[in-house]
Amino acid sequence: MCTTVIDIDPRSPVPVLLIGVRDEFGDRPWLPPGRHWSGHPALVGGQDLQALGTWLAVAAAAPRVACVLNAHGEAAAAARRSTRGGLPLRAAESGDLGDLDAARYDPFHLVCASPTLTRLWSWNGRDLTERTLDAGLHIVVNSGLDGAGEDDAPGGAQMRARIEHFRPLFDKAPRPEPRDGSARRAWGAWFGLAAGGGLDPRDPRALVLSRTVGDRPWGTSSVSLVALTRSGARFDFCADPAGSHPAWSRVL
């Protein structure tokens, strides 16, 4: 149940703020953000070592950020399936999906933002839709933009509860304009919300999760904070945010 929170304000010196929350099985290996792809030397992101893609990529010089979430729908045929982890690399580098053969991918939501344009692509295994996000706060979860009313979808009620809890908190919090300093100082009230907002990771509304699925640990493996100015990007990252000693580092 990954979550992306994005706030767009064209009048601000920092037009785009994005929180990328990645939920994954704890035993799935990955690397922290870096320049991991020789074919995409300008991109920075964490690398999933199982499929070798990423969940979030930043092109600082563009500047641009792209992140992918799983969606609901029909899975791609196994014989021709491509990893969704290649989508943020493609979008962050070019700002577009070009001639993407969506049928090669399992369902996804893909957010791609620059200081002047933010788009959301959604693929359910049958139809690929594209929409431009207007100024304001948007929350994307596995059931779509602002939950898309899919309470009967897998985890739908829980995602709706998350949105209903956190949206008023983000609306009330002063919008940060991250520049220098620590993540806590730069992101202000957003830092506490991105760190979980004080909710127990087992709470049904939690943004930062900790669960057990069968006998496997599952939950929030990382949180990314990305701010785009008109000339660059700031990227802060936290691994194991639900742990007892979450560590934040500045990537860009």
Protein backbone atom coordinates (compact mmCIF):
# COMPACT_ATOMS: atom_id res chain seq x y z
CA MET A 1 0.00 0.00 0.00
CA CYS A 2 2.50 2.61 -1.16
CA THR A 3 1.50 6.27 -0.93
CA THR A 4 2.55 9.43 -2.76
CA VAL A 5 1.69 12.87 -1.42
CA ILE A 6 2.33 15.72 -3.84
CA ASP A 7 1.70 19.43 -3.41
CA ILE A 8 1.85 21.81 -6.37
CA ASP A 9 2.10 25.59 -6.03
CA PRO A 10 3.25 27.37 -9.22
CA ARG A 11 3.68 30.64 -7.29
CA SER A 12 6.13 29.19 -4.77
CA PRO A 13 9.93 29.25 -5.12
CA VAL A 14 9.55 25.47 -4.54
CA PRO A 15 6.66 24.59 -6.86
CA VAL A 16 6.64 20.83 -6.18
CA LEU A 17 6.83 18.93 -2.90
CA LEU A 18 6.59 15.13 -2.96
CA ILE A 19 6.56 12.44 -0.29
CA GLY A 20 7.11 8.91 -1.58
CA VAL A 21 6.27 6.14 0.89
CA ARG A 22 7.38 2.67 -0.23
CA ASP A 23 5.73 -0.38 1.35
CA GLU A 24 7.39 -3.70 0.62
CA PHE A 25 8.31 -7.08 2.07
CA GLY A 26 11.19 -6.69 4.49
CA ASP A 27 13.19 -9.49 2.91
CA ARG A 28 13.18 -7.99 -0.60
CA PRO A 29 16.72 -6.62 -1.14
CA TRP A 30 17.40 -3.07 -2.29
CA LEU A 31 20.06 -0.37 -2.32
CA PRO A 32 19.67 3.20 -1.00
CA PRO A 33 19.52 6.07 -3.49
CA GLY A 34 22.44 6.49 -5.83
CA ARG A 35 23.35 6.56 -9.52
CA HIS A 36 22.80 2.86 -10.05
CA TRP A 37 22.00 2.74 -13.80
CA SER A 38 24.72 3.16 -16.42
CA GLY A 39 22.04 3.74 -19.03
CA HIS A 40 20.57 6.58 -16.95
CA PRO A 41 23.63 8.35 -15.46
CA ALA A 42 21.73 11.54 -14.59
CA LEU A 43 19.16 9.74 -12.41
CA VAL A 44 19.31 9.14 -8.68
CA GLY A 45 17.10 6.63 -6.89
CA GLY A 46 16.98 3.55 -4.72
CA GLN A 47 17.47 0.29 -6.59
CA ASP A 48 15.35 -2.80 -6.15
CA LEU A 49 17.82 -5.70 -6.42
CA GLN A 50 15.17 -8.22 -7.42
CA ALA A 51 14.06 -6.46 -10.61
CA LEU A 52 16.86 -3.83 -10.83
CA GLY A 53 14.49 -0.89 -11.29
CA THR A 54 13.35 1.73 -8.81
CA TRP A 55 10.25 3.04 -7.10
CA LEU A 56 11.33 6.71 -7.30
CA ALA A 57 13.86 8.52 -9.47
CA VAL A 58 15.08 12.11 -9.44
CA ALA A 59 16.72 14.01 -12.30
CA ALA A 60 18.22 16.95 -10.43
CA ALA A 61 19.37 18.91 -13.47
CA ALA A 62 16.00 18.70 -15.25
CA PRO A 63 14.64 19.07 -12.49
CA ARG A 64 12.13 16.19 -12.41
CA VAL A 65 10.88 13.41 -10.12
CA ALA A 66 8.91 10.26 -10.96
CA CYS A 67 7.54 7.51 -8.75
CA VAL A 68 5.47 4.38 -9.32
CA LEU A 69 2.83 2.61 -7.23
CA ASN A 70 1.12 -0.72 -7.80
CA ALA A 71 -2.50 -0.47 -8.99
CA HIS A 72 -5.47 -2.81 -9.23
CA GLY A 73 -6.46 -4.63 -12.40
CA GLU A 74 -5.40 -7.37 -14.78
CA ALA A 75 -1.82 -8.63 -14.58
CA ALA A 76 0.37 -8.74 -17.68
CA ALA A 77 1.07 -12.05 -19.37
CA ALA A 78 4.06 -13.62 -17.64
CA ALA A 79 5.83 -14.35 -20.91
CA ARG A 80 6.09 -10.65 -21.82
CA ARG A 81 6.01 -8.89 -18.45
CA SER A 82 8.42 -6.01 -17.83
CA THR A 83 9.26 -4.61 -14.41
CA ARG A 84 7.32 -1.53 -13.34
CA GLY A 85 10.58 -0.35 -11.78
CA GLY A 86 11.71 0.83 -15.19
CA LEU A 87 8.85 3.32 -15.46
CA PRO A 88 10.21 5.99 -13.05
CA LEU A 89 13.55 5.86 -14.89
CA ARG A 90 11.82 6.41 -18.22
CA ALA A 91 9.59 9.22 -16.95
CA ALA A 92 12.20 11.04 -14.85
CA GLU A 93 14.62 11.09 -17.75
CA SER A 94 12.29 12.25 -20.52
CA GLY A 95 9.24 13.62 -18.70
CA ASP A 96 7.01 11.36 -20.78
CA LEU A 97 6.18 7.72 -21.47
CA GLY A 98 6.52 8.00 -25.23
CA ASP A 99 5.39 4.90 -27.13
CA LEU A 100 5.04 2.75 -24.00
CA ASP A 101 3.56 -0.71 -24.57
CA ALA A 102 1.48 -0.69 -21.37
CA ALA A 103 0.35 -4.29 -21.88
CA ARG A 104 3.82 -5.42 -20.84
CA TYR A 105 3.26 -4.12 -17.32
CA ASP A 106 1.17 -5.11 -14.35
CA PRO A 107 -1.24 -2.33 -13.26
CA PHE A 108 0.42 0.86 -12.03
CA HIS A 109 0.04 4.51 -11.12
CA LEU A 110 2.96 6.68 -12.21
CA VAL A 111 3.49 10.26 -11.05
CA CYS A 112 5.94 12.49 -12.93
CA ALA A 113 6.49 16.07 -11.81
CA SER A 114 8.53 19.06 -12.93
CA PRO A 115 8.25 22.66 -11.71
CA THR A 116 5.75 23.40 -14.50
CA LEU A 117 3.88 20.14 -15.13
CA THR A 118 2.73 17.19 -13.03
CA ARG A 119 1.08 14.18 -14.64
CA LEU A 120 -0.42 10.94 -13.39
CA TRP A 121 -0.67 7.86 -15.60
CA SER A 122 -2.83 4.94 -14.47
CA TRP A 123 -2.93 1.50 -16.10
CA ASN A 124 -5.41 -1.20 -15.01
CA GLY A 125 -4.41 -3.87 -17.51
CA ARG A 126 -6.94 -2.64 -20.07
CA ASP A 127 -6.83 1.17 -20.29
CA LEU A 128 -3.98 3.66 -19.86
CA THR A 129 -5.21 7.07 -18.69
CA GLU A 130 -3.28 10.30 -18.30
CA ARG A 131 -4.26 13.36 -16.32
CA THR A 132 -2.57 16.63 -15.41
CA LEU A 133 -2.66 17.46 -11.73
CA ASP A 134 -3.71 20.99 -10.86
CA ALA A 135 -2.30 23.18 -8.11
CA GLY A 136 -3.00 21.89 -4.62
CA LEU A 137 -2.47 18.77 -2.53
CA HIS A 138 -2.95 15.31 -4.04
CA ILE A 139 -2.63 11.86 -2.47
CA VAL A 140 -2.10 8.79 -4.66
CA VAL A 141 -2.54 5.28 -3.26
CA ASN A 142 -2.91 1.84 -4.87
CA SER A 143 -6.60 2.53 -5.54
CA GLY A 144 -5.73 5.73 -7.40
CA LEU A 145 -5.85 9.49 -6.96
CA ASP A 146 -7.40 10.30 -3.58
CA GLY A 147 -8.50 6.66 -3.28
CA ALA A 148 -10.79 6.85 -6.32
CA GLY A 149 -13.70 5.57 -4.20
CA GLU A 150 -12.56 1.94 -4.36
CA ASP A 151 -13.31 0.90 -0.80
CA ASP A 152 -14.14 -2.61 -2.05
CA ALA A 153 -10.71 -3.01 -3.69
CA PRO A 154 -7.99 -4.90 -1.80
CA GLY A 155 -6.99 -2.65 1.09
CA GLY A 156 -9.36 0.03 -0.19
CA ALA A 157 -10.99 0.84 3.15
CA GLN A 158 -7.59 1.11 4.81
CA MET A 159 -6.29 3.44 2.12
CA ARG A 160 -9.42 5.57 2.45
CA ALA A 161 -8.88 5.75 6.24
CA ARG A 162 -5.29 6.86 5.66
CA ILE A 163 -6.34 9.63 3.30
CA GLU A 164 -9.14 10.83 5.57
CA HIS A 165 -6.73 11.01 8.51
CA PHE A 166 -3.74 12.63 6.80
CA ARG A 167 -5.28 15.02 4.28
CA PRO A 168 -6.60 17.44 6.94
CA LEU A 169 -3.20 17.32 8.66
CA PHE A 170 -1.35 18.23 5.46
CA ASP A 171 -3.92 20.91 4.64
CA LYS A 172 -3.42 22.44 8.08
CA ALA A 173 0.39 22.23 8.14
CA PRO A 174 2.37 25.22 6.82
CA ARG A 175 3.72 24.42 3.37
CA PRO A 176 7.52 24.13 3.61
CA GLU A 177 10.01 25.60 1.15
CA PRO A 178 12.98 23.24 1.72
CA ARG A 179 16.40 24.68 0.97
CA ASP A 180 19.28 24.06 3.39
CA GLY A 181 19.66 22.39 6.77
CA SER A 182 18.61 19.04 8.15
CA ALA A 183 15.54 17.24 6.85
CA ARG A 184 13.70 18.06 10.06
CA ARG A 185 14.47 21.76 9.76
CA ALA A 186 13.95 22.00 6.00
CA TRP A 187 10.62 20.19 5.89
CA GLY A 188 9.05 21.67 9.03
CA ALA A 189 5.65 20.21 9.93
CA TRP A 190 5.77 17.95 6.87
CA PHE A 191 8.72 16.09 8.37
CA GLY A 192 6.67 14.79 11.29
CA LEU A 193 3.81 13.77 9.01
CA ALA A 194 6.16 11.97 6.61
CA ALA A 195 7.66 10.16 9.59
CA GLY A 196 4.23 8.77 10.45
CA GLY A 197 2.49 11.61 12.24
CA GLY A 198 2.77 9.87 15.60
CA LEU A 199 0.52 6.94 14.66
CA ASP A 200 1.43 3.42 15.71
CA PRO A 201 2.73 1.58 12.59
CA ARG A 202 0.03 -1.06 13.24
CA ASP A 203 -2.78 1.53 13.17
CA PRO A 204 -5.15 0.98 10.20
CA ARG A 205 -4.70 4.64 9.24
CA ALA A 206 -0.89 4.55 9.39
CA LEU A 207 1.18 6.12 6.63
CA VAL A 208 4.33 4.39 7.92
CA LEU A 209 3.41 0.73 8.36
CA SER A 210 4.63 -2.40 10.08
CA ARG A 211 2.80 -5.69 9.46
CA THR A 212 3.34 -9.42 9.10
CA VAL A 213 1.95 -11.15 6.01
CA GLY A 214 1.99 -14.88 6.61
CA ASP A 215 5.40 -15.33 8.20
CA ARG A 216 7.05 -12.47 6.29
CA PRO A 217 7.64 -8.93 7.59
CA TRP A 218 5.98 -6.28 5.44
CA GLY A 219 5.67 -2.55 5.81
CA THR A 220 7.26 0.79 4.99
CA SER A 221 10.81 0.18 3.84
CA SER A 222 11.61 3.82 3.06
CA VAL A 223 10.31 7.37 2.85
CA SER A 224 11.57 9.88 0.26
CA LEU A 225 11.10 13.65 0.45
CA VAL A 226 11.68 15.52 -2.81
CA ALA A 227 11.41 19.27 -3.39
CA LEU A 228 11.73 20.81 -6.86
CA THR A 229 12.75 24.40 -7.46
CA ARG A 230 12.93 25.84 -10.96
CA SER A 231 16.63 25.02 -11.16
CA GLY A 232 17.24 21.98 -8.98
CA ALA A 233 16.06 19.39 -6.49
CA ARG A 234 16.41 18.47 -2.85
CA PHE A 235 16.09 14.78 -1.95
CA ASP A 236 15.96 13.48 1.63
CA PHE A 237 15.69 9.77 2.39
CA CYS A 238 14.91 7.54 5.37
CA ALA A 239 15.32 3.77 5.49
CA ASP A 240 13.29 1.71 7.97
CA PRO A 241 11.14 4.67 9.12
CA ALA A 242 9.04 2.36 11.34
CA GLY A 243 12.14 1.14 13.18
CA SER A 244 13.29 2.27 16.59
CA HIS A 245 16.07 4.49 15.20
CA PRO A 246 15.09 5.80 11.74
CA ALA A 247 18.01 7.56 10.05
CA TRP A 248 17.51 10.41 7.60
CA SER A 249 20.12 11.34 5.01
CA ARG A 250 20.30 14.03 2.37
CA VAL A 251 20.80 12.56 -1.10
CA LEU A 252 20.68 15.78 -3.16
